[in-house]
Amino acid sequence: MEKYNKLRIEWDCRRGMLELDKIIMPFYLKHFDELTDDKKDIFIRLLASTDLQLFSWFFNRGQSSDSEIQSMVEYIQNVQKITTN
C-alpha cells in the first residue's frame, strides 16, 4: 500500500483561488514525487491551511509561524521562479 494517497493530495491541491491553483497544482504535478518523505509530509500539512493563509504566504503578505511550512512556501516560490524563467 502506498504511503501517500495521491488522489486525495491532488484534490487538496485544488483551491478556491485561481492564483493559488496556478502555484500549488503545477508544483504538485511536477515535483511532489521528487520530495523526500519529510518534505511530502510538510507539503501535505501546507495543504491543510486556508486559502487566505496560503495567499498571504505565497504573495509575500505574511509568513507562517510554522518554520517548516514557511520553508516549503519559499521552496515552492523558488521552484516556480526557476521554471518560469
PDB file of N, CA and C in Angstrom:
ATOM      1  N   MET A   1       0.837  -1.195   0.000  1.00  0.00           N
ATOM      2  CA  MET A   1       0.000   0.000   0.000  1.00  0.00           C
ATOM      3  C   MET A   1       0.874   1.248   0.000  1.00  0.00           C
ATOM      4  N   GLU A   2       0.497   2.189  -0.809  1.00  0.00           N
ATOM      5  CA  GLU A   2       1.267   3.422  -0.929  1.00  0.00           C
ATOM      6  C   GLU A   2       1.052   4.320   0.291  1.00  0.00           C
ATOM      7  N   LYS A   3       2.132   4.962   0.735  1.00  0.00           N
ATOM      8  CA  LYS A   3       2.055   5.807   1.925  1.00  0.00           C
ATOM      9  C   LYS A   3       1.196   7.052   1.680  1.00  0.00           C
ATOM     10  N   TYR A   4       1.257   7.585   0.476  1.00  0.00           N
ATOM     11  CA  TYR A   4       0.555   8.834   0.175  1.00  0.00           C
ATOM     12  C   TYR A   4      -0.610   8.562  -0.766  1.00  0.00           C
ATOM     13  N   ASN A   5      -1.770   9.036  -0.385  1.00  0.00           N
ATOM     14  CA  ASN A   5      -2.956   8.904  -1.219  1.00  0.00           C
ATOM     15  C   ASN A   5      -2.940  10.048  -2.233  1.00  0.00           C
ATOM     16  N   LYS A   6      -2.421   9.753  -3.410  1.00  0.00           N
ATOM     17  CA  LYS A   6      -2.203  10.801  -4.400  1.00  0.00           C
ATOM     18  C   LYS A   6      -3.497  11.445  -4.885  1.00  0.00           C
ATOM     19  N   LEU A   7      -4.557  10.675  -4.972  1.00  0.00           N
ATOM     20  CA  LEU A   7      -5.828  11.270  -5.382  1.00  0.00           C
ATOM     21  C   LEU A   7      -6.309  12.280  -4.347  1.00  0.00           C
ATOM     22  N   ARG A   8      -6.148  11.953  -3.086  1.00  0.00           N
ATOM     23  CA  ARG A   8      -6.544  12.873  -2.014  1.00  0.00           C
ATOM     24  C   ARG A   8      -5.679  14.130  -2.038  1.00  0.00           C
ATOM     25  N   ILE A   9      -4.382  13.952  -2.205  1.00  0.00           N
ATOM     26  CA  ILE A   9      -3.468  15.101  -2.241  1.00  0.00           C
ATOM     27  C   ILE A   9      -3.801  15.997  -3.431  1.00  0.00           C
ATOM     28  N   GLU A  10      -4.038  15.375  -4.585  1.00  0.00           N
ATOM     29  CA  GLU A  10      -4.384  16.171  -5.767  1.00  0.00           C
ATOM     30  C   GLU A  10      -5.678  16.953  -5.538  1.00  0.00           C
ATOM     31  N   TRP A  11      -6.643  16.316  -4.906  1.00  0.00           N
ATOM     32  CA  TRP A  11      -7.900  17.003  -4.597  1.00  0.00           C
ATOM     33  C   TRP A  11      -7.635  18.192  -3.661  1.00  0.00           C
ATOM     34  N   ASP A  12      -6.786  18.001  -2.663  1.00  0.00           N
ATOM     35  CA  ASP A  12      -6.466  19.074  -1.713  1.00  0.00           C
ATOM     36  C   ASP A  12      -5.681  20.209  -2.365  1.00  0.00           C
ATOM     37  N   CYS A  13      -5.008  19.926  -3.469  1.00  0.00           N
ATOM     38  CA  CYS A  13      -4.273  20.973  -4.189  1.00  0.00           C
ATOM     39  C   CYS A  13      -5.211  21.938  -4.901  1.00  0.00           C
ATOM     40  N   ARG A  14      -6.423  21.506  -5.169  1.00  0.00           N
ATOM     41  CA  ARG A  14      -7.407  22.366  -5.840  1.00  0.00           C
ATOM     42  C   ARG A  14      -7.908  23.394  -4.832  1.00  0.00           C
ATOM     43  N   ARG A  15      -7.702  24.651  -5.145  1.00  0.00           N
ATOM     44  CA  ARG A  15      -8.042  25.719  -4.216  1.00  0.00           C
ATOM     45  C   ARG A  15      -9.173  26.564  -4.776  1.00  0.00           C
ATOM     46  N   GLY A  16      -9.701  27.433  -3.946  1.00  0.00           N
ATOM     47  CA  GLY A  16     -10.783  28.309  -4.359  1.00  0.00           C
ATOM     48  C   GLY A  16     -10.319  29.564  -5.067  1.00  0.00           C
ATOM     49  N   MET A  17      -9.013  29.780  -5.112  1.00  0.00           N
ATOM     50  CA  MET A  17      -8.456  30.968  -5.759  1.00  0.00           C
ATOM     51  C   MET A  17      -7.598  30.537  -6.946  1.00  0.00           C
ATOM     52  N   LEU A  18      -7.858  31.121  -8.088  1.00  0.00           N
ATOM     53  CA  LEU A  18      -7.110  30.793  -9.292  1.00  0.00           C
ATOM     54  C   LEU A  18      -5.613  31.013  -9.095  1.00  0.00           C
ATOM     55  N   GLU A  19      -5.256  32.089  -8.394  1.00  0.00           N
ATOM     56  CA  GLU A  19      -3.838  32.396  -8.162  1.00  0.00           C
ATOM     57  C   GLU A  19      -3.135  31.235  -7.454  1.00  0.00           C
ATOM     58  N   LEU A  20      -3.817  30.630  -6.492  1.00  0.00           N
ATOM     59  CA  LEU A  20      -3.234  29.504  -5.762  1.00  0.00           C
ATOM     60  C   LEU A  20      -3.196  28.249  -6.632  1.00  0.00           C
ATOM     61  N   ASP A  21      -4.238  28.047  -7.436  1.00  0.00           N
ATOM     62  CA  ASP A  21      -4.251  26.891  -8.338  1.00  0.00           C
ATOM     63  C   ASP A  21      -3.064  26.921  -9.298  1.00  0.00           C
ATOM     64  N   LYS A  22      -2.664  28.104  -9.700  1.00  0.00           N
ATOM     65  CA  LYS A  22      -1.554  28.242 -10.640  1.00  0.00           C
ATOM     66  C   LYS A  22      -0.196  28.016  -9.992  1.00  0.00           C
ATOM     67  N   ILE A  23      -0.157  27.978  -8.677  1.00  0.00           N
ATOM     68  CA  ILE A  23       1.093  27.730  -7.955  1.00  0.00           C
ATOM     69  C   ILE A  23       1.141  26.296  -7.428  1.00  0.00           C
ATOM     70  N   ILE A  24       0.108  25.910  -6.721  1.00  0.00           N
ATOM     71  CA  ILE A  24       0.137  24.661  -5.972  1.00  0.00           C
ATOM     72  C   ILE A  24       0.012  23.427  -6.866  1.00  0.00           C
ATOM     73  N   MET A  25      -0.952  23.403  -7.779  1.00  0.00           N
ATOM     74  CA  MET A  25      -1.164  22.216  -8.604  1.00  0.00           C
ATOM     75  C   MET A  25       0.026  21.919  -9.509  1.00  0.00           C
ATOM     76  N   PRO A  26       0.568  22.911 -10.220  1.00  0.00           N
ATOM     77  CA  PRO A  26       1.743  22.602 -11.055  1.00  0.00           C
ATOM     78  C   PRO A  26       2.920  22.077 -10.229  1.00  0.00           C
ATOM     79  N   PHE A  27       3.125  22.655  -9.045  1.00  0.00           N
ATOM     80  CA  PHE A  27       4.204  22.155  -8.191  1.00  0.00           C
ATOM     81  C   PHE A  27       3.949  20.698  -7.836  1.00  0.00           C
ATOM     82  N   TYR A  28       2.738  20.396  -7.431  1.00  0.00           N
ATOM     83  CA  TYR A  28       2.406  19.020  -7.054  1.00  0.00           C
ATOM     84  C   TYR A  28       2.644  18.066  -8.226  1.00  0.00           C
ATOM     85  N   LEU A  29       2.128  18.408  -9.380  1.00  0.00           N
ATOM     86  CA  LEU A  29       2.230  17.510 -10.527  1.00  0.00           C
ATOM     87  C   LEU A  29       3.670  17.285 -10.981  1.00  0.00           C
ATOM     88  N   LYS A  30       4.504  18.305 -10.903  1.00  0.00           N
ATOM     89  CA  LYS A  30       5.870  18.207 -11.417  1.00  0.00           C
ATOM     90  C   LYS A  30       6.901  17.802 -10.373  1.00  0.00           C
ATOM     91  N   HIS A  31       6.671  18.125  -9.095  1.00  0.00           N
ATOM     92  CA  HIS A  31       7.754  17.996  -8.128  1.00  0.00           C
ATOM     93  C   HIS A  31       7.466  17.148  -6.891  1.00  0.00           C
ATOM     94  N   PHE A  32       6.216  16.810  -6.642  1.00  0.00           N
ATOM     95  CA  PHE A  32       5.884  16.089  -5.415  1.00  0.00           C
ATOM     96  C   PHE A  32       6.658  14.784  -5.293  1.00  0.00           C
ATOM     97  N   ASP A  33       6.711  14.014  -6.365  1.00  0.00           N
ATOM     98  CA  ASP A  33       7.378  12.711  -6.310  1.00  0.00           C
ATOM     99  C   ASP A  33       8.868  12.817  -6.015  1.00  0.00           C
ATOM    100  N   GLU A  34       9.470  13.956  -6.315  1.00  0.00           N
ATOM    101  CA  GLU A  34      10.902  14.160  -6.074  1.00  0.00           C
ATOM    102  C   GLU A  34      11.213  14.519  -4.619  1.00  0.00           C
ATOM    103  N   LEU A  35      10.205  14.932  -3.869  1.00  0.00           N
ATOM    104  CA  LEU A  35      10.420  15.354  -2.482  1.00  0.00           C
ATOM    105  C   LEU A  35      10.736  14.162  -1.588  1.00  0.00           C
ATOM    106  N   THR A  36      11.492  14.432  -0.524  1.00  0.00           N
ATOM    107  CA  THR A  36      11.716  13.411   0.497  1.00  0.00           C
ATOM    108  C   THR A  36      10.391  13.186   1.226  1.00  0.00           C
ATOM    109  N   ASP A  37      10.285  12.094   1.949  1.00  0.00           N
ATOM    110  CA  ASP A  37       9.060  11.837   2.709  1.00  0.00           C
ATOM    111  C   ASP A  37       8.784  12.948   3.714  1.00  0.00           C
ATOM    112  N   ASP A  38       9.828  13.471   4.345  1.00  0.00           N
ATOM    113  CA  ASP A  38       9.633  14.571   5.298  1.00  0.00           C
ATOM    114  C   ASP A  38       9.040  15.798   4.609  1.00  0.00           C
ATOM    115  N   LYS A  39       9.571  16.126   3.440  1.00  0.00           N
ATOM    116  CA  LYS A  39       9.064  17.288   2.695  1.00  0.00           C
ATOM    117  C   LYS A  39       7.645  17.034   2.178  1.00  0.00           C
ATOM    118  N   LYS A  40       7.357  15.801   1.787  1.00  0.00           N
ATOM    119  CA  LYS A  40       5.996  15.465   1.366  1.00  0.00           C
ATOM    120  C   LYS A  40       5.025  15.681   2.524  1.00  0.00           C
ATOM    121  N   ASP A  41       5.422  15.268   3.715  1.00  0.00           N
ATOM    122  CA  ASP A  41       4.575  15.465   4.896  1.00  0.00           C
ATOM    123  C   ASP A  41       4.335  16.947   5.161  1.00  0.00           C
ATOM    124  N   ILE A  42       5.358  17.764   4.987  1.00  0.00           N
ATOM    125  CA  ILE A  42       5.215  19.209   5.186  1.00  0.00           C
ATOM    126  C   ILE A  42       4.290  19.793   4.123  1.00  0.00           C
ATOM    127  N   PHE A  43       4.442  19.352   2.882  1.00  0.00           N
ATOM    128  CA  PHE A  43       3.569  19.828   1.806  1.00  0.00           C
ATOM    129  C   PHE A  43       2.111  19.495   2.111  1.00  0.00           C
ATOM    130  N   ILE A  44       1.866  18.298   2.602  1.00  0.00           N
ATOM    131  CA  ILE A  44       0.504  17.898   2.958  1.00  0.00           C
ATOM    132  C   ILE A  44      -0.021  18.763   4.102  1.00  0.00           C
ATOM    133  N   ARG A  45       0.818  19.075   5.066  1.00  0.00           N
ATOM    134  CA  ARG A  45       0.404  19.989   6.147  1.00  0.00           C
ATOM    135  C   ARG A  45       0.092  21.368   5.590  1.00  0.00           C
ATOM    136  N   LEU A  46       0.883  21.817   4.627  1.00  0.00           N
ATOM    137  CA  LEU A  46       0.650  23.112   3.985  1.00  0.00           C
ATOM    138  C   LEU A  46      -0.739  23.146   3.360  1.00  0.00           C
ATOM    139  N   LEU A  47      -1.148  22.050   2.735  1.00  0.00           N
ATOM    140  CA  LEU A  47      -2.455  21.996   2.076  1.00  0.00           C
ATOM    141  C   LEU A  47      -3.618  22.100   3.050  1.00  0.00           C
ATOM    142  N   ALA A  48      -3.366  21.855   4.326  1.00  0.00           N
ATOM    143  CA  ALA A  48      -4.424  21.967   5.339  1.00  0.00           C
ATOM    144  C   ALA A  48      -4.704  23.427   5.712  1.00  0.00           C
ATOM    145  N   SER A  49      -3.894  24.336   5.216  1.00  0.00           N
ATOM    146  CA  SER A  49      -4.058  25.763   5.505  1.00  0.00           C
ATOM    147  C   SER A  49      -5.210  26.328   4.681  1.00  0.00           C
ATOM    148  N   THR A  50      -5.750  27.434   5.149  1.00  0.00           N
ATOM    149  CA  THR A  50      -6.837  28.084   4.415  1.00  0.00           C
ATOM    150  C   THR A  50      -6.297  28.800   3.178  1.00  0.00           C
ATOM    151  N   ASP A  51      -7.184  29.065   2.241  1.00  0.00           N
ATOM    152  CA  ASP A  51      -6.787  29.810   1.050  1.00  0.00           C
ATOM    153  C   ASP A  51      -6.242  31.184   1.407  1.00  0.00           C
ATOM    154  N   LEU A  52      -6.846  31.836   2.384  1.00  0.00           N
ATOM    155  CA  LEU A  52      -6.359  33.166   2.782  1.00  0.00           C
ATOM    156  C   LEU A  52      -4.949  33.102   3.349  1.00  0.00           C
ATOM    157  N   GLN A  53      -4.669  32.078   4.140  1.00  0.00           N
ATOM    158  CA  GLN A  53      -3.305  31.916   4.662  1.00  0.00           C
ATOM    159  C   GLN A  53      -2.331  31.671   3.515  1.00  0.00           C
ATOM    160  N   LEU A  54      -2.679  30.745   2.642  1.00  0.00           N
ATOM    161  CA  LEU A  54      -1.802  30.423   1.519  1.00  0.00           C
ATOM    162  C   LEU A  54      -1.561  31.640   0.636  1.00  0.00           C
ATOM    163  N   PHE A  55      -2.618  32.376   0.340  1.00  0.00           N
ATOM    164  CA  PHE A  55      -2.472  33.581  -0.478  1.00  0.00           C
ATOM    165  C   PHE A  55      -1.505  34.557   0.182  1.00  0.00           C
ATOM    166  N   SER A  56      -1.668  34.751   1.466  1.00  0.00           N
ATOM    167  CA  SER A  56      -0.796  35.658   2.212  1.00  0.00           C
ATOM    168  C   SER A  56       0.663  35.201   2.138  1.00  0.00           C
ATOM    169  N   TRP A  57       0.897  33.946   2.334  1.00  0.00           N
ATOM    170  CA  TRP A  57       2.270  33.426   2.332  1.00  0.00           C
ATOM    171  C   TRP A  57       2.893  33.448   0.947  1.00  0.00           C
ATOM    172  N   PHE A  58       2.151  33.021  -0.062  1.00  0.00           N
ATOM    173  CA  PHE A  58       2.717  32.938  -1.402  1.00  0.00           C
ATOM    174  C   PHE A  58       2.889  34.291  -2.068  1.00  0.00           C
ATOM    175  N   PHE A  59       2.106  35.262  -1.652  1.00  0.00           N
ATOM    176  CA  PHE A  59       2.211  36.584  -2.256  1.00  0.00           C
ATOM    177  C   PHE A  59       2.832  37.592  -1.298  1.00  0.00           C
ATOM    178  N   ASN A  60       3.657  37.064  -0.386  1.00  0.00           N
ATOM    179  CA  ASN A  60       4.530  37.837   0.492  1.00  0.00           C
ATOM    180  C   ASN A  60       3.819  38.919   1.307  1.00  0.00           C
ATOM    181  N   ARG A  61       2.648  38.567   1.795  1.00  0.00           N
ATOM    182  CA  ARG A  61       1.930  39.488   2.680  1.00  0.00           C
ATOM    183  C   ARG A  61       2.027  39.037   4.129  1.00  0.00           C
ATOM    184  N   GLY A  62       2.686  37.930   4.340  1.00  0.00           N
ATOM    185  CA  GLY A  62       2.850  37.391   5.686  1.00  0.00           C
ATOM    186  C   GLY A  62       3.668  36.120   5.630  1.00  0.00           C
ATOM    187  N   GLN A  63       3.981  35.604   6.798  1.00  0.00           N
ATOM    188  CA  GLN A  63       4.743  34.365   6.895  1.00  0.00           C
ATOM    189  C   GLN A  63       4.053  33.430   7.858  1.00  0.00           C
ATOM    190  N   SER A  64       4.216  32.152   7.607  1.00  0.00           N
ATOM    191  CA  SER A  64       3.675  31.152   8.511  1.00  0.00           C
ATOM    192  C   SER A  64       4.485  31.142   9.797  1.00  0.00           C
ATOM    193  N   SER A  65       3.803  30.920  10.906  1.00  0.00           N
ATOM    194  CA  SER A  65       4.519  30.809  12.182  1.00  0.00           C
ATOM    195  C   SER A  65       5.204  29.447  12.302  1.00  0.00           C
ATOM    196  N   ASP A  66       4.843  28.518  11.443  1.00  0.00           N
ATOM    197  CA  ASP A  66       5.462  27.198  11.389  1.00  0.00           C
ATOM    198  C   ASP A  66       6.652  27.287  10.428  1.00  0.00           C
ATOM    199  N   SER A  67       7.847  27.162  10.937  1.00  0.00           N
ATOM    200  CA  SER A  67       9.049  27.355  10.114  1.00  0.00           C
ATOM    201  C   SER A  67       9.162  26.328   8.993  1.00  0.00           C
ATOM    202  N   GLU A  68       8.676  25.113   9.206  1.00  0.00           N
ATOM    203  CA  GLU A  68       8.730  24.102   8.152  1.00  0.00           C
ATOM    204  C   GLU A  68       7.794  24.457   7.004  1.00  0.00           C
ATOM    205  N   ILE A  69       6.614  24.926   7.338  1.00  0.00           N
ATOM    206  CA  ILE A  69       5.667  25.333   6.299  1.00  0.00           C
ATOM    207  C   ILE A  69       6.198  26.561   5.566  1.00  0.00           C
ATOM    208  N   GLN A  70       6.762  27.509   6.298  1.00  0.00           N
ATOM    209  CA  GLN A  70       7.325  28.689   5.652  1.00  0.00           C
ATOM    210  C   GLN A  70       8.459  28.304   4.707  1.00  0.00           C
ATOM    211  N   SER A  71       9.281  27.357   5.114  1.00  0.00           N
ATOM    212  CA  SER A  71      10.356  26.880   4.235  1.00  0.00           C
ATOM    213  C   SER A  71       9.795  26.229   2.978  1.00  0.00           C
ATOM    214  N   MET A  72       8.709  25.488   3.115  1.00  0.00           N
ATOM    215  CA  MET A  72       8.081  24.860   1.950  1.00  0.00           C
ATOM    216  C   MET A  72       7.515  25.921   1.012  1.00  0.00           C
ATOM    217  N   VAL A  73       6.880  26.949   1.560  1.00  0.00           N
ATOM    218  CA  VAL A  73       6.360  28.052   0.736  1.00  0.00           C
ATOM    219  C   VAL A  73       7.507  28.675  -0.063  1.00  0.00           C
ATOM    220  N   GLU A  74       8.613  28.945   0.594  1.00  0.00           N
ATOM    221  CA  GLU A  74       9.759  29.556  -0.074  1.00  0.00           C
ATOM    222  C   GLU A  74      10.351  28.623  -1.127  1.00  0.00           C
ATOM    223  N   TYR A  75      10.381  27.329  -0.822  1.00  0.00           N
ATOM    224  CA  TYR A  75      10.876  26.346  -1.785  1.00  0.00           C
ATOM    225  C   TYR A  75       9.995  26.343  -3.036  1.00  0.00           C
ATOM    226  N   ILE A  76       8.683  26.328  -2.845  1.00  0.00           N
ATOM    227  CA  ILE A  76       7.749  26.330  -3.975  1.00  0.00           C
ATOM    228  C   ILE A  76       7.904  27.620  -4.778  1.00  0.00           C
ATOM    229  N   GLN A  77       8.056  28.753  -4.101  1.00  0.00           N
ATOM    230  CA  GLN A  77       8.255  30.022  -4.801  1.00  0.00           C
ATOM    231  C   GLN A  77       9.530  29.985  -5.644  1.00  0.00           C
ATOM    232  N   ASN A  78      10.605  29.433  -5.084  1.00  0.00           N
ATOM    233  CA  ASN A  78      11.872  29.359  -5.813  1.00  0.00           C
ATOM    234  C   ASN A  78      11.770  28.425  -7.020  1.00  0.00           C
ATOM    235  N   VAL A  79      11.116  27.295  -6.842  1.00  0.00           N
ATOM    236  CA  VAL A  79      10.923  26.362  -7.956  1.00  0.00           C
ATOM    237  C   VAL A  79      10.100  27.030  -9.058  1.00  0.00           C
ATOM    238  N   GLN A  80       9.089  27.766  -8.662  1.00  0.00           N
ATOM    239  CA  GLN A  80       8.238  28.449  -9.634  1.00  0.00           C
ATOM    240  C   GLN A  80       9.050  29.494 -10.402  1.00  0.00           C
ATOM    241  N   LYS A  81       9.919  30.231  -9.731  1.00  0.00           N
ATOM    242  CA  LYS A  81      10.743  31.238 -10.397  1.00  0.00           C
ATOM    243  C   LYS A  81      11.673  30.588 -11.422  1.00  0.00           C
ATOM    244  N   ILE A  82      12.234  29.446 -11.059  1.00  0.00           N
ATOM    245  CA  ILE A  82      13.155  28.747 -11.948  1.00  0.00           C
ATOM    246  C   ILE A  82      12.429  28.236 -13.183  1.00  0.00           C
ATOM    247  N   THR A  83      11.233  27.690 -12.996  1.00  0.00           N
ATOM    248  CA  THR A  83      10.523  27.102 -14.123  1.00  0.00           C
ATOM    249  C   THR A  83       9.857  28.153 -15.022  1.00  0.00           C
ATOM    250  N   THR A  84       9.637  29.357 -14.507  1.00  0.00           N
ATOM    251  CA  THR A  84       9.029  30.396 -15.345  1.00  0.00           C
ATOM    252  C   THR A  84      10.065  31.270 -16.025  1.00  0.00           C
ATOM    253  N   ASN A  85      11.318  31.138 -15.651  1.00  0.00           N
ATOM    254  CA  ASN A  85      12.387  31.947 -16.275  1.00  0.00           C
ATOM    255  C   ASN A  85      13.123  31.164 -17.330  1.00  0.00           C
TER     256      ASN A  85
END
